Amino acid sequence: MKNNKLLTAIWVAASLSMVSASAVAEVAKVAVSQIVEHPALDAARNGLLDGLKQKGYIEGENLEFSYQTAQGNPAIAVQIAKQFVGERPDVLVGIATPTAQALAASTRSIPVVFTAVTDPVGAKLVKDMDKPARNVTGLSDLSPVAQHVALMQELLPEMNSIGVVFNPGEANAVALVQLLRAAAKDRGLTVVEATALKSADVQSAAQIVASKADVIYAPTDNTVASAIDGLVNAGNQANTPIVGASTTYIENGALAALGFDYYQVGVQTADYVDALLKGKKISELPVKVAKGSDLALNQKAADKLGITFPAAVLERATSIEE
């Protein structure tokens, strides 16, 4: 009798263990590393979470969603990557270039999805955007820099120079400035450059270019984005308008911005994560450039600067901050 009870107890325990293991297996584990917190990247993360929710992944039920920020420090990004890899999630997501690079360097087996990465090939995340190899694929947010320069000339027909602040330690920022130089040269414009290795350097660097350039271009450089208020303050002090590559800069006082809705970039990123969770291979998921661009204008900034938006620009605007 005692043996029967013992066997029954063992069978019940084994059954509960199997149920528990089955329940755990049904929970998707997604770990997200973000280089720094600023509105554009935060919007991408929120879009990712909501995009997964739309596909049936509910945090706390069938989704374990881990998130950490590197606070703008690539060394911390490496530490986070090692920690996440040790936790063995189903999919790793790197928001912005430095965190994506850290994740990709930390594992060859766990799928890595990058998002908000300007130049995946230049950043050595993939060799071929159409045929990603290894365990890495994702979504690029390559800015339409030539369109940005054209917009500047529409707004300021007499302009001769463009100022830009960027972090030379960010591969995405270097790629964007190279595109800016080429686009400016095609239009007979000069580029005034200043570098900022950390957020605290942005305002002083912006003061330098604001005194020498007709307009300041604010790229999707994570260091600049995390200190966009300082950049705008420097422009305001010199009466130099700011044209941005992210529409989130409008809230901080930029005159105009042409860029992605980063929430939608995050939603599009969820497509990759969902496909991998359902068994797709990296080789079946080519790298794409995020869809959509919005033109946002800041009427208050225009009034302060004495600038009148051309009718053609007003017609294309998707939003106007009054």
Protein backbone atom coordinates (compact mmCIF):
# COMPACT_ATOMS: atom_id res chain seq x y z
CA MET A 1 0.00 0.00 0.00
CA LYS A 2 2.79 2.35 0.95
CA ASN A 3 4.51 1.51 -2.34
CA ASN A 4 1.32 2.35 -4.25
CA LYS A 5 1.07 5.70 -2.46
CA LEU A 6 4.72 6.39 -3.20
CA LEU A 7 4.25 5.53 -6.88
CA THR A 8 1.15 7.72 -7.01
CA ALA A 9 3.03 10.64 -5.45
CA ILE A 10 5.89 10.21 -7.91
CA TRP A 11 3.44 10.06 -10.84
CA VAL A 12 1.62 13.23 -9.65
CA ALA A 13 4.90 15.07 -9.16
CA ALA A 14 6.10 14.02 -12.60
CA SER A 15 2.81 15.09 -14.16
CA LEU A 16 2.95 18.50 -12.48
CA SER A 17 6.55 18.87 -13.61
CA MET A 18 5.53 18.10 -17.20
CA VAL A 19 2.67 20.62 -17.04
CA SER A 20 5.00 23.23 -15.59
CA ALA A 21 7.61 22.57 -18.28
CA SER A 22 4.94 22.78 -20.96
CA ALA A 23 3.68 26.11 -19.58
CA VAL A 24 7.21 27.51 -19.51
CA ALA A 25 7.82 26.36 -23.08
CA GLU A 26 4.74 28.29 -24.22
CA VAL A 27 6.08 31.59 -22.86
CA ALA A 28 8.07 33.53 -25.47
CA LYS A 29 11.19 35.16 -24.02
CA VAL A 30 12.25 38.40 -25.71
CA ALA A 31 15.13 40.48 -24.33
CA VAL A 32 15.59 44.08 -25.47
CA SER A 33 18.74 46.17 -25.14
CA GLN A 34 18.52 49.89 -25.93
CA ILE A 35 21.55 52.18 -26.14
CA VAL A 36 19.94 55.17 -24.42
CA GLU A 37 16.52 56.44 -23.46
CA HIS A 38 15.21 59.23 -25.69
CA PRO A 39 11.79 59.76 -27.30
CA ALA A 40 12.51 58.13 -30.68
CA LEU A 41 14.05 54.93 -29.30
CA ASP A 42 11.49 54.75 -26.49
CA ALA A 43 8.75 54.98 -29.12
CA ALA A 44 10.37 52.13 -31.05
CA ARG A 45 10.41 49.95 -27.92
CA ASN A 46 6.77 50.76 -27.14
CA GLY A 47 5.84 50.01 -30.75
CA LEU A 48 7.64 46.66 -30.53
CA LEU A 49 5.74 45.70 -27.38
CA ASP A 50 2.40 46.81 -28.84
CA GLY A 51 3.19 45.10 -32.14
CA LEU A 52 3.79 41.83 -30.30
CA LYS A 53 0.56 42.34 -28.37
CA GLN A 54 -1.31 42.71 -31.68
CA LYS A 55 0.10 39.32 -32.64
CA GLY A 56 -1.14 37.66 -29.47
CA TYR A 57 1.90 37.97 -27.19
CA ILE A 58 0.72 39.36 -23.85
CA GLU A 59 3.34 40.43 -21.32
CA GLY A 60 2.89 38.51 -18.07
CA GLU A 61 0.88 35.77 -19.78
CA ASN A 62 2.68 34.23 -22.76
CA LEU A 63 5.44 36.82 -23.14
CA GLU A 64 8.45 37.48 -20.92
CA PHE A 65 9.71 40.89 -22.05
CA SER A 66 13.06 41.92 -20.56
CA TYR A 67 14.46 45.40 -21.12
CA GLN A 68 17.63 47.26 -20.18
CA THR A 69 19.24 50.50 -21.31
CA ALA A 70 22.98 51.06 -21.65
CA GLN A 71 22.65 54.74 -20.69
CA GLY A 72 24.56 55.75 -23.79
CA ASN A 73 27.62 53.69 -22.82
CA PRO A 74 28.82 51.00 -25.29
CA ALA A 75 30.72 49.22 -22.48
CA ILE A 76 27.47 48.83 -20.53
CA ALA A 77 25.82 47.58 -23.74
CA VAL A 78 28.40 44.77 -23.84
CA GLN A 79 27.65 43.85 -20.20
CA ILE A 80 23.90 43.79 -20.89
CA ALA A 81 24.45 41.62 -23.96
CA LYS A 82 26.45 39.06 -21.97
CA GLN A 83 23.80 38.99 -19.24
CA PHE A 84 20.95 38.53 -21.72
CA VAL A 85 22.78 35.78 -23.63
CA GLY A 86 23.29 33.95 -20.33
CA GLU A 87 19.52 34.07 -19.73
CA ARG A 88 18.91 32.26 -23.06
CA PRO A 89 15.91 34.20 -24.44
CA ASP A 90 14.22 33.09 -27.65
CA VAL A 91 15.01 36.36 -29.43
CA LEU A 92 17.33 39.26 -28.65
CA VAL A 93 16.43 42.76 -29.87
CA GLY A 94 18.97 45.57 -30.17
CA ILE A 95 17.54 49.07 -30.44
CA ALA A 96 20.16 51.30 -32.16
CA THR A 97 23.55 50.38 -33.57
CA PRO A 98 25.83 50.02 -30.49
CA THR A 99 23.46 47.69 -28.64
CA ALA A 100 22.78 45.64 -31.76
CA GLN A 101 26.54 45.28 -32.31
CA ALA A 102 27.04 44.17 -28.69
CA LEU A 103 24.32 41.54 -28.95
CA ALA A 104 25.58 40.23 -32.29
CA ALA A 105 29.11 39.92 -30.91
CA SER A 106 27.89 38.00 -27.85
CA THR A 107 26.11 35.07 -29.51
CA ARG A 108 26.10 33.02 -32.69
CA SER A 109 23.11 30.91 -31.76
CA ILE A 110 20.33 33.13 -30.35
CA PRO A 111 18.53 35.14 -33.08
CA VAL A 112 19.30 38.87 -32.94
CA VAL A 113 16.90 41.42 -34.40
CA PHE A 114 18.17 44.97 -34.75
CA THR A 115 16.05 48.07 -35.22
CA ALA A 116 16.69 51.80 -35.60
CA VAL A 117 20.06 50.99 -37.19
CA THR A 118 21.12 53.35 -39.96
CA ASP A 119 23.72 51.31 -41.83
CA PRO A 120 23.61 47.57 -40.97
CA VAL A 121 26.32 46.72 -43.51
CA GLY A 122 28.65 49.52 -42.42
CA ALA A 123 28.07 48.50 -38.79
CA LYS A 124 29.11 44.94 -39.77
CA LEU A 125 25.83 43.47 -38.55
CA VAL A 126 25.17 41.89 -41.94
CA LYS A 127 27.20 41.54 -45.11
CA ASP A 128 24.20 41.50 -47.45
CA MET A 129 20.87 43.08 -46.56
CA ASP A 130 19.01 40.76 -48.93
CA LYS A 131 20.69 37.62 -47.62
CA PRO A 132 21.45 37.91 -43.92
CA ALA A 133 23.66 35.12 -42.65
CA ARG A 134 24.58 33.98 -39.16
CA ASN A 135 21.92 34.88 -36.59
CA VAL A 136 21.31 38.58 -37.29
CA THR A 137 18.66 40.48 -39.24
CA GLY A 138 16.37 43.45 -38.69
CA LEU A 139 15.13 46.86 -39.70
CA SER A 140 17.12 49.89 -40.88
CA ASP A 141 16.05 53.47 -40.28
CA LEU A 142 18.33 54.96 -42.92
CA SER A 143 17.44 58.64 -43.03
CA PRO A 144 16.56 60.26 -46.38
CA VAL A 145 19.40 62.77 -45.94
CA ALA A 146 19.18 64.18 -49.48
CA GLN A 147 15.51 64.96 -48.82
CA HIS A 148 16.49 66.67 -45.57
CA VAL A 149 18.91 68.95 -47.40
CA ALA A 150 16.29 69.72 -50.05
CA LEU A 151 13.83 70.62 -47.28
CA MET A 152 16.36 72.99 -45.72
CA GLN A 153 16.75 74.81 -49.02
CA GLU A 154 12.98 75.06 -49.40
CA LEU A 155 12.72 76.65 -45.98
CA LEU A 156 15.85 78.81 -46.32
CA PRO A 157 16.48 79.56 -50.03
CA GLU A 158 19.42 81.87 -49.25
CA MET A 159 21.29 79.39 -47.08
CA ASN A 160 24.92 78.50 -47.85
CA SER A 161 25.98 76.24 -44.98
CA ILE A 162 24.69 73.43 -42.78
CA GLY A 163 25.95 72.81 -39.26
CA VAL A 164 25.93 69.33 -37.75
CA VAL A 165 26.91 67.84 -34.40
CA PHE A 166 27.61 64.10 -34.23
CA ASN A 167 29.35 61.40 -32.25
CA PRO A 168 32.22 59.95 -34.34
CA GLY A 169 32.10 56.85 -32.13
CA GLU A 170 28.66 55.91 -33.49
CA ALA A 171 28.83 54.08 -36.82
CA ASN A 172 25.33 55.24 -37.71
CA ALA A 173 26.24 58.89 -37.09
CA VAL A 174 29.37 58.65 -39.24
CA ALA A 175 27.34 57.16 -42.10
CA LEU A 176 24.75 59.94 -41.86
CA VAL A 177 27.36 62.70 -41.93
CA GLN A 178 28.95 61.12 -45.01
CA LEU A 179 25.55 61.25 -46.72
CA LEU A 180 25.10 64.84 -45.56
CA ARG A 181 28.45 65.90 -47.04
CA ALA A 182 27.54 64.31 -50.39
CA ALA A 183 24.05 65.83 -50.50
CA ALA A 184 25.36 69.27 -49.54
CA LYS A 185 28.10 69.12 -52.17
CA ASP A 186 25.52 68.29 -54.85
CA ARG A 187 23.69 71.49 -53.96
CA GLY A 188 26.74 73.70 -53.63
CA LEU A 189 26.52 73.93 -49.83
CA THR A 190 29.23 73.64 -47.19
CA VAL A 191 29.00 71.57 -43.99
CA VAL A 192 30.25 72.86 -40.65
CA GLU A 193 30.97 69.95 -38.30
CA ALA A 194 31.51 69.57 -34.56
CA THR A 195 31.81 66.35 -32.58
CA ALA A 196 30.31 65.29 -29.25
CA LEU A 197 31.49 62.07 -27.63
CA LYS A 198 28.87 62.27 -24.89
CA SER A 199 25.54 63.96 -24.28
CA ALA A 200 27.09 66.63 -22.06
CA ASP A 201 29.18 67.82 -25.02
CA VAL A 202 26.27 68.42 -27.39
CA GLN A 203 25.27 71.95 -26.39
CA SER A 204 28.81 73.38 -26.48
CA ALA A 205 29.45 71.69 -29.85
CA ALA A 206 26.16 73.07 -31.16
CA GLN A 207 27.12 76.58 -30.07
CA ILE A 208 30.18 76.34 -32.29
CA VAL A 209 28.28 75.31 -35.41
CA ALA A 210 25.34 77.64 -34.68
CA SER A 211 27.66 80.63 -34.91
CA LYS A 212 29.04 79.54 -38.28
CA ALA A 213 26.15 77.88 -40.15
CA ASP A 214 22.82 79.06 -41.58
CA VAL A 215 20.94 76.02 -40.26
CA ILE A 216 21.71 73.13 -37.91
CA TYR A 217 20.91 69.59 -39.01
CA ALA A 218 19.95 67.27 -36.14
CA PRO A 219 20.57 63.67 -37.29
CA THR A 220 19.34 60.44 -35.71
CA ASP A 221 22.56 60.28 -33.73
CA ASN A 222 21.78 58.77 -30.33
CA THR A 223 24.14 61.11 -28.49
CA VAL A 224 22.51 64.14 -30.11
CA ALA A 225 19.00 62.78 -29.59
CA SER A 226 19.61 62.26 -25.88
CA ALA A 227 20.65 65.93 -25.56
CA ILE A 228 18.38 67.50 -28.17
CA ASP A 229 17.28 70.25 -25.76
CA GLY A 230 20.88 71.47 -25.56
CA LEU A 231 21.18 71.49 -29.35
CA VAL A 232 17.94 73.48 -29.72
CA ASN A 233 18.97 75.91 -26.98
CA ALA A 234 22.25 76.61 -28.79
CA GLY A 235 20.35 77.20 -32.04
CA ASN A 236 17.88 79.54 -30.35
CA GLN A 237 20.67 81.59 -28.76
CA ALA A 238 22.24 82.14 -32.19
CA ASN A 239 18.87 82.52 -33.97
CA THR A 240 19.84 79.50 -36.11
CA PRO A 241 16.99 77.16 -37.09
CA ILE A 242 17.12 73.41 -36.42
CA VAL A 243 15.94 70.90 -39.03
CA GLY A 244 15.74 67.36 -37.73
CA ALA A 245 15.78 63.79 -39.02
CA SER A 246 13.32 62.68 -36.33
CA THR A 247 9.85 64.13 -35.88
CA THR A 248 10.25 63.78 -32.10
CA TYR A 249 12.63 66.79 -32.25
CA ILE A 250 9.68 69.07 -32.98
CA GLU A 251 8.53 68.76 -29.36
CA ASN A 252 11.92 70.11 -28.28
CA GLY A 253 11.70 73.18 -30.52
CA ALA A 254 13.09 72.17 -33.93
CA LEU A 255 11.72 74.22 -36.83
CA ALA A 256 10.96 71.23 -39.06
CA ALA A 257 11.63 67.51 -39.19
CA LEU A 258 11.29 64.84 -41.80
CA GLY A 259 11.55 61.34 -40.45
CA PHE A 260 10.07 58.07 -39.36
CA ASP A 261 7.35 57.51 -36.85
CA TYR A 262 9.53 55.41 -34.54
CA TYR A 263 6.51 53.84 -32.89
CA GLN A 264 5.66 52.36 -36.30
CA VAL A 265 9.30 51.30 -36.72
CA GLY A 266 8.85 49.31 -33.52
CA VAL A 267 5.59 47.79 -34.76
CA GLN A 268 7.36 46.71 -37.96
CA THR A 269 10.17 45.21 -35.87
CA ALA A 270 7.60 42.99 -34.13
CA ASP A 271 7.08 41.24 -37.50
CA TYR A 272 10.65 39.92 -37.33
CA VAL A 273 10.36 38.78 -33.72
CA ASP A 274 7.05 37.04 -34.38
CA ALA A 275 8.41 35.25 -37.46
CA LEU A 276 11.42 33.96 -35.51
CA LEU A 277 9.27 32.82 -32.60
CA LYS A 278 7.18 30.85 -35.09
CA GLY A 279 10.21 29.05 -36.47
CA LYS A 280 11.37 31.17 -39.42
CA LYS A 281 15.11 31.17 -40.12
CA ILE A 282 17.23 34.30 -40.25
CA SER A 283 18.09 33.55 -43.89
CA GLU A 284 14.37 33.81 -44.71
CA LEU A 285 14.11 37.34 -43.26
CA PRO A 286 15.97 39.94 -45.34
CA VAL A 287 16.87 43.29 -43.83
CA LYS A 288 14.37 46.01 -44.73
CA VAL A 289 14.36 49.79 -44.52
CA ALA A 290 11.51 51.01 -42.33
CA LYS A 291 8.47 52.31 -44.17
CA GLY A 292 6.94 55.74 -43.96
CA SER A 293 8.14 59.26 -43.36
CA ASP A 294 6.37 62.18 -41.74
CA LEU A 295 6.93 65.91 -42.22
CA ALA A 296 6.40 67.83 -38.99
CA LEU A 297 6.53 71.63 -38.71
CA ASN A 298 6.79 73.91 -35.69
CA GLN A 299 4.85 77.13 -36.23
CA LYS A 300 5.93 78.58 -32.87
CA ALA A 301 9.60 78.12 -33.79
CA ALA A 302 8.98 79.63 -37.24
CA ASP A 303 7.36 82.73 -35.67
CA LYS A 304 10.30 83.21 -33.31
CA LEU A 305 12.77 82.95 -36.19
CA GLY A 306 10.71 85.11 -38.55
CA ILE A 307 10.40 82.27 -41.06
CA THR A 308 7.34 81.73 -43.25
CA PHE A 309 6.67 78.16 -44.32
CA PRO A 310 6.25 77.91 -48.14
CA ALA A 311 2.81 76.75 -49.28
CA ALA A 312 4.30 73.61 -50.87
CA VAL A 313 5.84 72.61 -47.53
CA LEU A 314 2.61 73.27 -45.63
CA GLU A 315 0.70 71.06 -48.08
CA ARG A 316 3.04 68.11 -47.46
CA ALA A 317 3.06 68.47 -43.67
CA THR A 318 1.62 65.58 -41.69
CA SER A 319 1.58 67.61 -38.46
CA ILE A 320 2.02 71.23 -37.42
CA GLU A 321 2.93 72.22 -33.86
CA GLU A 322 1.13 75.48 -33.10
